[in-house]
């Protein structure tokens, strides 16, 4: 299974919803093995350098350097959930096709 990277910021409501969606997906089953490396943009700015210029909003989710999702202002939990699910599916698919 591929590892996802999520760039986030403390206090970000969209990031909180992404975490909530991840917890919900894992609870539903089938995604327990998906690994996510979290990078706090404010506390670990050096770790965001490989993604410089590829995102503006957080959360942003990447796999193998490719952006899978970038939140947009005003997105609902349902939209964020769908995008996180898409990223989780991509992480699982890469494993099955590798």
PDB file of N, CA and C in Angstrom:
ATOM      1  N   UNK A   1       0.839  -1.167   0.000  1.00  0.00           N
ATOM      2  CA  UNK A   1       0.000   0.000   0.000  1.00  0.00           C
ATOM      3  C   UNK A   1       0.889   1.237   0.000  1.00  0.00           C
ATOM      4  N   UNK A   2       0.554   2.197  -0.813  1.00  0.00           N
ATOM      5  CA  UNK A   2       1.313   3.440  -0.889  1.00  0.00           C
ATOM      6  C   UNK A   2       1.021   4.318   0.317  1.00  0.00           C
ATOM      7  N   UNK A   3       1.989   5.143   0.666  1.00  0.00           N
ATOM      8  CA  UNK A   3       1.829   6.097   1.759  1.00  0.00           C
ATOM      9  C   UNK A   3       1.378   7.437   1.194  1.00  0.00           C
ATOM     10  N   UNK A   4       0.392   8.024   1.849  1.00  0.00           N
ATOM     11  CA  UNK A   4      -0.077   9.353   1.491  1.00  0.00           C
ATOM     12  C   UNK A   4       0.618  10.378   2.380  1.00  0.00           C
ATOM     13  N   UNK A   5       0.735  11.592   1.882  1.00  0.00           N
ATOM     14  CA  UNK A   5       1.249  12.702   2.670  1.00  0.00           C
ATOM     15  C   UNK A   5       0.176  13.775   2.714  1.00  0.00           C
ATOM     16  N   UNK A   6      -0.170  14.219   3.918  1.00  0.00           N
ATOM     17  CA  UNK A   6      -1.153  15.291   4.054  1.00  0.00           C
ATOM     18  C   UNK A   6      -0.498  16.495   4.706  1.00  0.00           C
ATOM     19  N   UNK A   7      -0.537  17.612   3.999  1.00  0.00           N
ATOM     20  CA  UNK A   7      -0.046  18.866   4.547  1.00  0.00           C
ATOM     21  C   UNK A   7      -1.234  19.558   5.200  1.00  0.00           C
ATOM     22  N   UNK A   8      -1.023  19.987   6.444  1.00  0.00           N
ATOM     23  CA  UNK A   8      -2.114  20.552   7.229  1.00  0.00           C
ATOM     24  C   UNK A   8      -1.597  21.683   8.099  1.00  0.00           C
ATOM     25  N   UNK A   9      -2.531  22.323   8.802  1.00  0.00           N
ATOM     26  CA  UNK A   9      -2.186  23.365   9.767  1.00  0.00           C
ATOM     27  C   UNK A   9      -3.054  23.184  11.000  1.00  0.00           C
ATOM     28  N   UNK A  10      -2.467  23.392  12.162  1.00  0.00           N
ATOM     29  CA  UNK A  10      -3.224  23.317  13.408  1.00  0.00           C
ATOM     30  C   UNK A  10      -4.338  24.359  13.379  1.00  0.00           C
ATOM     31  N   UNK A  11      -5.515  23.973  13.836  1.00  0.00           N
ATOM     32  CA  UNK A  11      -6.643  24.888  13.890  1.00  0.00           C
ATOM     33  C   UNK A  11      -7.434  25.009  12.605  1.00  0.00           C
ATOM     34  N   UNK A  12      -7.011  24.334  11.560  1.00  0.00           N
ATOM     35  CA  UNK A  12      -7.702  24.391  10.265  1.00  0.00           C
ATOM     36  C   UNK A  12      -8.950  23.509  10.307  1.00  0.00           C
ATOM     37  N   UNK A  13     -10.143  24.077  10.097  1.00  0.00           N
ATOM     38  CA  UNK A  13     -11.360  23.268  10.166  1.00  0.00           C
ATOM     39  C   UNK A  13     -11.461  22.240   9.040  1.00  0.00           C
ATOM     40  N   UNK A  14     -10.904  22.544   7.877  1.00  0.00           N
ATOM     41  CA  UNK A  14     -10.934  21.589   6.773  1.00  0.00           C
ATOM     42  C   UNK A  14     -10.002  20.411   7.062  1.00  0.00           C
ATOM     43  N   UNK A  15      -8.883  20.702   7.710  1.00  0.00           N
ATOM     44  CA  UNK A  15      -7.959  19.639   8.116  1.00  0.00           C
ATOM     45  C   UNK A  15      -8.622  18.737   9.151  1.00  0.00           C
ATOM     46  N   UNK A  16      -9.340  19.345  10.091  1.00  0.00           N
ATOM     47  CA  UNK A  16     -10.061  18.560  11.097  1.00  0.00           C
ATOM     48  C   UNK A  16     -11.084  17.655  10.425  1.00  0.00           C
ATOM     49  N   UNK A  17     -11.767  18.163   9.405  1.00  0.00           N
ATOM     50  CA  UNK A  17     -12.736  17.332   8.687  1.00  0.00           C
ATOM     51  C   UNK A  17     -12.047  16.218   7.908  1.00  0.00           C
ATOM     52  N   UNK A  18     -10.851  16.477   7.388  1.00  0.00           N
ATOM     53  CA  UNK A  18     -10.108  15.424   6.693  1.00  0.00           C
ATOM     54  C   UNK A  18      -9.724  14.318   7.675  1.00  0.00           C
ATOM     55  N   UNK A  19      -9.294  14.688   8.867  1.00  0.00           N
ATOM     56  CA  UNK A  19      -8.979  13.688   9.898  1.00  0.00           C
ATOM     57  C   UNK A  19     -10.233  12.900  10.268  1.00  0.00           C
ATOM     58  N   UNK A  20     -11.339  13.603  10.412  1.00  0.00           N
ATOM     59  CA  UNK A  20     -12.615  12.950  10.733  1.00  0.00           C
ATOM     60  C   UNK A  20     -12.995  11.950   9.635  1.00  0.00           C
ATOM     61  N   UNK A  21     -12.812  12.350   8.370  1.00  0.00           N
ATOM     62  CA  UNK A  21     -13.117  11.466   7.241  1.00  0.00           C
ATOM     63  C   UNK A  21     -12.208  10.238   7.255  1.00  0.00           C
ATOM     64  N   UNK A  22     -10.930  10.434   7.551  1.00  0.00           N
ATOM     65  CA  UNK A  22      -9.995   9.303   7.618  1.00  0.00           C
ATOM     66  C   UNK A  22     -10.417   8.324   8.706  1.00  0.00           C
ATOM     67  N   UNK A  23     -10.779   8.852   9.864  1.00  0.00           N
ATOM     68  CA  UNK A  23     -11.236   7.990  10.956  1.00  0.00           C
ATOM     69  C   UNK A  23     -12.487   7.224  10.556  1.00  0.00           C
ATOM     70  N   UNK A  24     -13.420   7.899   9.887  1.00  0.00           N
ATOM     71  CA  UNK A  24     -14.665   7.257   9.461  1.00  0.00           C
ATOM     72  C   UNK A  24     -14.389   6.159   8.435  1.00  0.00           C
ATOM     73  N   UNK A  25     -13.515   6.432   7.479  1.00  0.00           N
ATOM     74  CA  UNK A  25     -13.193   5.433   6.452  1.00  0.00           C
ATOM     75  C   UNK A  25     -12.526   4.207   7.068  1.00  0.00           C
ATOM     76  N   UNK A  26     -11.626   4.427   7.988  1.00  0.00           N
ATOM     77  CA  UNK A  26     -10.970   3.287   8.645  1.00  0.00           C
ATOM     78  C   UNK A  26     -11.980   2.486   9.456  1.00  0.00           C
ATOM     79  N   UNK A  27     -12.923   3.165  10.101  1.00  0.00           N
ATOM     80  CA  UNK A  27     -13.947   2.483  10.898  1.00  0.00           C
ATOM     81  C   UNK A  27     -14.889   1.672  10.015  1.00  0.00           C
ATOM     82  N   UNK A  28     -15.128   2.152   8.791  1.00  0.00           N
ATOM     83  CA  UNK A  28     -16.007   1.437   7.860  1.00  0.00           C
ATOM     84  C   UNK A  28     -15.341   0.164   7.345  1.00  0.00           C
ATOM     85  N   UNK A  29     -14.028   0.118   7.385  1.00  0.00           N
ATOM     86  CA  UNK A  29     -13.299  -1.079   6.977  1.00  0.00           C
ATOM     87  C   UNK A  29     -12.711  -0.973   5.590  1.00  0.00           C
ATOM     88  N   UNK A  30     -11.608  -1.694   5.404  1.00  0.00           N
ATOM     89  CA  UNK A  30     -10.960  -1.747   4.107  1.00  0.00           C
ATOM     90  C   UNK A  30      -9.805  -0.772   3.939  1.00  0.00           C
ATOM     91  N   UNK A  31      -9.675   0.170   4.849  1.00  0.00           N
ATOM     92  CA  UNK A  31      -8.624   1.176   4.715  1.00  0.00           C
ATOM     93  C   UNK A  31      -7.662   1.176   5.894  1.00  0.00           C
ATOM     94  N   UNK A  32      -7.728   0.158   6.720  1.00  0.00           N
ATOM     95  CA  UNK A  32      -6.898   0.118   7.921  1.00  0.00           C
ATOM     96  C   UNK A  32      -5.414   0.217   7.603  1.00  0.00           C
ATOM     97  N   UNK A  33      -5.002  -0.292   6.453  1.00  0.00           N
ATOM     98  CA  UNK A  33      -3.592  -0.313   6.095  1.00  0.00           C
ATOM     99  C   UNK A  33      -3.076   0.950   5.438  1.00  0.00           C
ATOM    100  N   UNK A  34      -3.957   1.905   5.166  1.00  0.00           N
ATOM    101  CA  UNK A  34      -3.509   3.142   4.530  1.00  0.00           C
ATOM    102  C   UNK A  34      -2.716   3.967   5.540  1.00  0.00           C
ATOM    103  N   UNK A  35      -1.498   4.317   5.156  1.00  0.00           N
ATOM    104  CA  UNK A  35      -0.624   5.107   6.012  1.00  0.00           C
ATOM    105  C   UNK A  35      -0.598   6.542   5.508  1.00  0.00           C
ATOM    106  N   UNK A  36      -0.703   7.477   6.433  1.00  0.00           N
ATOM    107  CA  UNK A  36      -0.654   8.894   6.085  1.00  0.00           C
ATOM    108  C   UNK A  36       0.433   9.561   6.921  1.00  0.00           C
ATOM    109  N   UNK A  37       1.366  10.207   6.242  1.00  0.00           N
ATOM    110  CA  UNK A  37       2.366  11.034   6.914  1.00  0.00           C
ATOM    111  C   UNK A  37       1.811  12.450   6.968  1.00  0.00           C
ATOM    112  N   UNK A  38       1.704  12.996   8.163  1.00  0.00           N
ATOM    113  CA  UNK A  38       1.155  14.335   8.343  1.00  0.00           C
ATOM    114  C   UNK A  38       2.284  15.339   8.503  1.00  0.00           C
ATOM    115  N   UNK A  39       2.173  16.450   7.791  1.00  0.00           N
ATOM    116  CA  UNK A  39       3.143  17.538   7.890  1.00  0.00           C
ATOM    117  C   UNK A  39       2.380  18.796   8.290  1.00  0.00           C
ATOM    118  N   UNK A  40       2.752  19.374   9.422  1.00  0.00           N
ATOM    119  CA  UNK A  40       2.165  20.646   9.837  1.00  0.00           C
ATOM    120  C   UNK A  40       2.962  21.758   9.165  1.00  0.00           C
ATOM    121  N   UNK A  41       2.291  22.495   8.304  1.00  0.00           N
ATOM    122  CA  UNK A  41       2.943  23.528   7.504  1.00  0.00           C
ATOM    123  C   UNK A  41       3.648  24.587   8.353  1.00  0.00           C
ATOM    124  N   UNK A  42       3.090  24.903   9.507  1.00  0.00           N
ATOM    125  CA  UNK A  42       3.684  25.935  10.363  1.00  0.00           C
ATOM    126  C   UNK A  42       4.825  25.412  11.225  1.00  0.00           C
ATOM    127  N   UNK A  43       4.712  24.177  11.699  1.00  0.00           N
ATOM    128  CA  UNK A  43       5.740  23.626  12.588  1.00  0.00           C
ATOM    129  C   UNK A  43       6.877  22.947  11.844  1.00  0.00           C
ATOM    130  N   UNK A  44       6.626  22.497  10.621  1.00  0.00           N
ATOM    131  CA  UNK A  44       7.644  21.764   9.857  1.00  0.00           C
ATOM    132  C   UNK A  44       7.751  22.301   8.429  1.00  0.00           C
ATOM    133  N   UNK A  45       7.975  23.594   8.262  1.00  0.00           N
ATOM    134  CA  UNK A  45       7.975  24.158   6.908  1.00  0.00           C
ATOM    135  C   UNK A  45       9.008  23.524   5.979  1.00  0.00           C
ATOM    136  N   UNK A  46      10.111  23.057   6.548  1.00  0.00           N
ATOM    137  CA  UNK A  46      11.143  22.432   5.709  1.00  0.00           C
ATOM    138  C   UNK A  46      10.627  21.167   5.033  1.00  0.00           C
ATOM    139  N   UNK A  47       9.702  20.478   5.665  1.00  0.00           N
ATOM    140  CA  UNK A  47       9.155  19.244   5.089  1.00  0.00           C
ATOM    141  C   UNK A  47       8.179  19.516   3.949  1.00  0.00           C
ATOM    142  N   UNK A  48       7.731  20.767   3.808  1.00  0.00           N
ATOM    143  CA  UNK A  48       6.811  21.096   2.713  1.00  0.00           C
ATOM    144  C   UNK A  48       7.559  21.449   1.430  1.00  0.00           C
ATOM    145  N   UNK A  49       8.874  21.605   1.501  1.00  0.00           N
ATOM    146  CA  UNK A  49       9.647  22.042   0.338  1.00  0.00           C
ATOM    147  C   UNK A  49       9.455  21.171  -0.901  1.00  0.00           C
ATOM    148  N   UNK A  50       9.387  19.834  -0.772  1.00  0.00           N
ATOM    149  CA  UNK A  50       9.176  19.031  -1.986  1.00  0.00           C
ATOM    150  C   UNK A  50       7.838  19.315  -2.679  1.00  0.00           C
ATOM    151  N   UNK A  51       6.920  19.962  -1.973  1.00  0.00           N
ATOM    152  CA  UNK A  51       5.589  20.227  -2.511  1.00  0.00           C
ATOM    153  C   UNK A  51       5.394  21.701  -2.861  1.00  0.00           C
ATOM    154  N   UNK A  52       6.458  22.489  -2.751  1.00  0.00           N
ATOM    155  CA  UNK A  52       6.383  23.927  -3.003  1.00  0.00           C
ATOM    156  C   UNK A  52       5.825  24.200  -4.396  1.00  0.00           C
ATOM    157  N   UNK A  53       4.879  25.129  -4.444  1.00  0.00           N
ATOM    158  CA  UNK A  53       4.278  25.506  -5.718  1.00  0.00           C
ATOM    159  C   UNK A  53       3.182  24.578  -6.201  1.00  0.00           C
ATOM    160  N   UNK A  54       2.950  23.477  -5.490  1.00  0.00           N
ATOM    161  CA  UNK A  54       1.937  22.510  -5.924  1.00  0.00           C
ATOM    162  C   UNK A  54       0.612  22.665  -5.190  1.00  0.00           C
ATOM    163  N   UNK A  55       0.586  23.501  -4.144  1.00  0.00           N
ATOM    164  CA  UNK A  55      -0.652  23.680  -3.392  1.00  0.00           C
ATOM    165  C   UNK A  55      -0.666  25.065  -2.765  1.00  0.00           C
ATOM    166  N   UNK A  56      -1.869  25.509  -2.428  1.00  0.00           N
ATOM    167  CA  UNK A  56      -2.038  26.768  -1.713  1.00  0.00           C
ATOM    168  C   UNK A  56      -2.836  26.546  -0.438  1.00  0.00           C
ATOM    169  N   UNK A  57      -3.916  25.752  -0.570  1.00  0.00           N
ATOM    170  CA  UNK A  57      -4.797  25.495   0.565  1.00  0.00           C
ATOM    171  C   UNK A  57      -4.453  24.173   1.244  1.00  0.00           C
ATOM    172  N   UNK A  58      -4.803  24.111   2.524  1.00  0.00           N
ATOM    173  CA  UNK A  58      -4.679  22.861   3.272  1.00  0.00           C
ATOM    174  C   UNK A  58      -6.061  22.439   3.740  1.00  0.00           C
ATOM    175  N   UNK A  59      -6.272  21.153   3.899  1.00  0.00           N
ATOM    176  CA  UNK A  59      -5.301  20.095   3.684  1.00  0.00           C
ATOM    177  C   UNK A  59      -5.068  19.839   2.200  1.00  0.00           C
ATOM    178  N   UNK A  60      -3.869  19.410   1.898  1.00  0.00           N
ATOM    179  CA  UNK A  60      -3.526  18.905   0.574  1.00  0.00           C
ATOM    180  C   UNK A  60      -2.939  17.518   0.767  1.00  0.00           C
ATOM    181  N   UNK A  61      -3.376  16.599  -0.085  1.00  0.00           N
ATOM    182  CA  UNK A  61      -2.938  15.206   0.032  1.00  0.00           C
ATOM    183  C   UNK A  61      -2.168  14.819  -1.226  1.00  0.00           C
ATOM    184  N   UNK A  62      -1.004  14.219  -1.008  1.00  0.00           N
ATOM    185  CA  UNK A  62      -0.126  13.801  -2.097  1.00  0.00           C
ATOM    186  C   UNK A  62       0.203  12.315  -1.979  1.00  0.00           C
ATOM    187  N   UNK A  63       0.501  11.715  -3.128  1.00  0.00           N
ATOM    188  CA  UNK A  63       1.021  10.349  -3.166  1.00  0.00           C
ATOM    189  C   UNK A  63       2.128  10.323  -4.213  1.00  0.00           C
ATOM    190  N   UNK A  64       3.299   9.891  -3.814  1.00  0.00           N
ATOM    191  CA  UNK A  64       4.458   9.850  -4.715  1.00  0.00           C
ATOM    192  C   UNK A  64       4.698  11.198  -5.389  1.00  0.00           C
ATOM    193  N   UNK A  65       4.494  12.288  -4.642  1.00  0.00           N
ATOM    194  CA  UNK A  65       4.729  13.620  -5.175  1.00  0.00           C
ATOM    195  C   UNK A  65       3.610  14.185  -6.027  1.00  0.00           C
ATOM    196  N   UNK A  66       2.586  13.406  -6.289  1.00  0.00           N
ATOM    197  CA  UNK A  66       1.448  13.849  -7.105  1.00  0.00           C
ATOM    198  C   UNK A  66       0.304  14.291  -6.199  1.00  0.00           C
ATOM    199  N   UNK A  67      -0.225  15.471  -6.473  1.00  0.00           N
ATOM    200  CA  UNK A  67      -1.332  15.973  -5.665  1.00  0.00           C
ATOM    201  C   UNK A  67      -2.616  15.241  -6.030  1.00  0.00           C
ATOM    202  N   UNK A  68      -3.243  14.659  -5.006  1.00  0.00           N
ATOM    203  CA  UNK A  68      -4.516  13.976  -5.189  1.00  0.00           C
ATOM    204  C   UNK A  68      -5.688  14.847  -4.761  1.00  0.00           C
ATOM    205  N   UNK A  69      -5.439  15.759  -3.838  1.00  0.00           N
ATOM    206  CA  UNK A  69      -6.525  16.589  -3.309  1.00  0.00           C
ATOM    207  C   UNK A  69      -5.964  17.849  -2.680  1.00  0.00           C
ATOM    208  N   UNK A  70      -6.659  18.946  -2.928  1.00  0.00           N
ATOM    209  CA  UNK A  70      -6.379  20.214  -2.264  1.00  0.00           C
ATOM    210  C   UNK A  70      -7.716  20.822  -1.883  1.00  0.00           C
ATOM    211  N   UNK A  71      -7.913  21.056  -0.600  1.00  0.00           N
ATOM    212  CA  UNK A  71      -9.166  21.639  -0.125  1.00  0.00           C
ATOM    213  C   UNK A  71      -9.382  23.014  -0.749  1.00  0.00           C
ATOM    214  N   UNK A  72     -10.634  23.389  -0.837  1.00  0.00           N
ATOM    215  CA  UNK A  72     -11.013  24.706  -1.319  1.00  0.00           C
ATOM    216  C   UNK A  72     -11.901  25.368  -0.274  1.00  0.00           C
ATOM    217  N   UNK A  73     -11.829  26.676  -0.138  1.00  0.00           N
ATOM    218  CA  UNK A  73     -12.655  27.361   0.856  1.00  0.00           C
ATOM    219  C   UNK A  73     -14.140  27.028   0.682  1.00  0.00           C
ATOM    220  N   UNK A  74     -14.788  26.770   1.801  1.00  0.00           N
ATOM    221  CA  UNK A  74     -16.217  26.503   1.789  1.00  0.00           C
ATOM    222  C   UNK A  74     -16.604  25.056   1.559  1.00  0.00           C
ATOM    223  N   UNK A  75     -15.633  24.157   1.398  1.00  0.00           N
ATOM    224  CA  UNK A  75     -15.979  22.759   1.147  1.00  0.00           C
ATOM    225  C   UNK A  75     -16.664  22.137   2.352  1.00  0.00           C
ATOM    226  N   UNK A  76     -17.687  21.361   2.053  1.00  0.00           N
ATOM    227  CA  UNK A  76     -18.439  20.661   3.094  1.00  0.00           C
ATOM    228  C   UNK A  76     -17.687  19.414   3.543  1.00  0.00           C
ATOM    229  N   UNK A  77     -18.101  18.889   4.680  1.00  0.00           N
ATOM    230  CA  UNK A  77     -17.527  17.629   5.154  1.00  0.00           C
ATOM    231  C   UNK A  77     -17.736  16.532   4.120  1.00  0.00           C
ATOM    232  N   UNK A  78     -18.923  16.472   3.522  1.00  0.00           N
ATOM    233  CA  UNK A  78     -19.210  15.422   2.541  1.00  0.00           C
ATOM    234  C   UNK A  78     -18.246  15.473   1.359  1.00  0.00           C
ATOM    235  N   UNK A  79     -17.918  16.662   0.881  1.00  0.00           N
ATOM    236  CA  UNK A  79     -16.970  16.813  -0.225  1.00  0.00           C
ATOM    237  C   UNK A  79     -15.574  16.373   0.220  1.00  0.00           C
ATOM    238  N   UNK A  80     -15.173  16.793   1.404  1.00  0.00           N
ATOM    239  CA  UNK A  80     -13.859  16.405   1.918  1.00  0.00           C
ATOM    240  C   UNK A  80     -13.791  14.895   2.098  1.00  0.00           C
ATOM    241  N   UNK A  81     -14.848  14.300   2.647  1.00  0.00           N
ATOM    242  CA  UNK A  81     -14.911  12.846   2.818  1.00  0.00           C
ATOM    243  C   UNK A  81     -14.714  12.154   1.469  1.00  0.00           C
ATOM    244  N   UNK A  82     -15.424  12.613   0.434  1.00  0.00           N
ATOM    245  CA  UNK A  82     -15.322  11.999  -0.897  1.00  0.00           C
ATOM    246  C   UNK A  82     -13.903  12.105  -1.446  1.00  0.00           C
ATOM    247  N   UNK A  83     -13.257  13.234  -1.231  1.00  0.00           N
ATOM    248  CA  UNK A  83     -11.892  13.423  -1.732  1.00  0.00           C
ATOM    249  C   UNK A  83     -10.883  12.569  -0.960  1.00  0.00           C
ATOM    250  N   UNK A  84     -11.064  12.472   0.344  1.00  0.00           N
ATOM    251  CA  UNK A  84     -10.187  11.618   1.150  1.00  0.00           C
ATOM    252  C   UNK A  84     -10.380  10.159   0.740  1.00  0.00           C
ATOM    253  N   UNK A  85     -11.613   9.760   0.497  1.00  0.00           N
ATOM    254  CA  UNK A  85     -11.890   8.387   0.047  1.00  0.00           C
ATOM    255  C   UNK A  85     -11.195   8.123  -1.287  1.00  0.00           C
ATOM    256  N   UNK A  86     -11.250   9.085  -2.185  1.00  0.00           N
ATOM    257  CA  UNK A  86     -10.572   8.955  -3.478  1.00  0.00           C
ATOM    258  C   UNK A  86      -9.063   8.749  -3.271  1.00  0.00           C
ATOM    259  N   UNK A  87      -8.473   9.516  -2.369  1.00  0.00           N
ATOM    260  CA  UNK A  87      -7.040   9.376  -2.085  1.00  0.00           C
ATOM    261  C   UNK A  87      -6.738   8.011  -1.474  1.00  0.00           C
ATOM    262  N   UNK A  88      -7.576   7.575  -0.533  1.00  0.00           N
ATOM    263  CA  UNK A  88      -7.386   6.255   0.073  1.00  0.00           C
ATOM    264  C   UNK A  88      -7.515   5.161  -0.986  1.00  0.00           C
ATOM    265  N   UNK A  89      -8.498   5.293  -1.870  1.00  0.00           N
ATOM    266  CA  UNK A  89      -8.670   4.310  -2.944  1.00  0.00           C
ATOM    267  C   UNK A  89      -7.435   4.274  -3.842  1.00  0.00           C
ATOM    268  N   UNK A  90      -6.883   5.437  -4.145  1.00  0.00           N
ATOM    269  CA  UNK A  90      -5.681   5.501  -4.980  1.00  0.00           C
ATOM    270  C   UNK A  90      -4.513   4.804  -4.294  1.00  0.00           C
ATOM    271  N   UNK A  91      -4.369   4.987  -2.995  1.00  0.00           N
ATOM    272  CA  UNK A  91      -3.288   4.330  -2.252  1.00  0.00           C
ATOM    273  C   UNK A  91      -3.452   2.818  -2.296  1.00  0.00           C
ATOM    274  N   UNK A  92      -4.678   2.352  -2.192  1.00  0.00           N
ATOM    275  CA  UNK A  92      -4.945   0.909  -2.243  1.00  0.00           C
ATOM    276  C   UNK A  92      -4.749   0.361  -3.648  1.00  0.00           C
ATOM    277  N   UNK A  93      -5.192   1.103  -4.651  1.00  0.00           N
ATOM    278  CA  UNK A  93      -5.108   0.665  -6.041  1.00  0.00           C
ATOM    279  C   UNK A  93      -3.670   0.494  -6.483  1.00  0.00           C
ATOM    280  N   UNK A  94      -2.814   1.412  -6.087  1.00  0.00           N
ATOM    281  CA  UNK A  94      -1.404   1.321  -6.467  1.00  0.00           C
ATOM    282  C   UNK A  94      -0.795   0.016  -5.964  1.00  0.00           C
ATOM    283  N   UNK A  95      -1.245  -0.421  -4.811  1.00  0.00           N
ATOM    284  CA  UNK A  95      -0.732  -1.664  -4.245  1.00  0.00           C
ATOM    285  C   UNK A  95      -1.207  -2.856  -5.055  1.00  0.00           C
ATOM    286  N   UNK A  96      -2.497  -2.853  -5.384  1.00  0.00           N
ATOM    287  CA  UNK A  96      -3.067  -3.992  -6.095  1.00  0.00           C
ATOM    288  C   UNK A  96      -2.536  -4.107  -7.520  1.00  0.00           C
ATOM    289  N   UNK A  97      -2.147  -2.975  -8.105  1.00  0.00           N
ATOM    290  CA  UNK A  97      -1.657  -2.991  -9.478  1.00  0.00           C
ATOM    291  C   UNK A  97      -0.142  -3.105  -9.558  1.00  0.00           C
ATOM    292  N   UNK A  98       0.536  -2.993  -8.436  1.00  0.00           N
ATOM    293  CA  UNK A  98       2.009  -3.036  -8.445  1.00  0.00           C
ATOM    294  C   UNK A  98       2.515  -4.451  -8.585  1.00  0.00           C
TER     295      UNK A  98
END
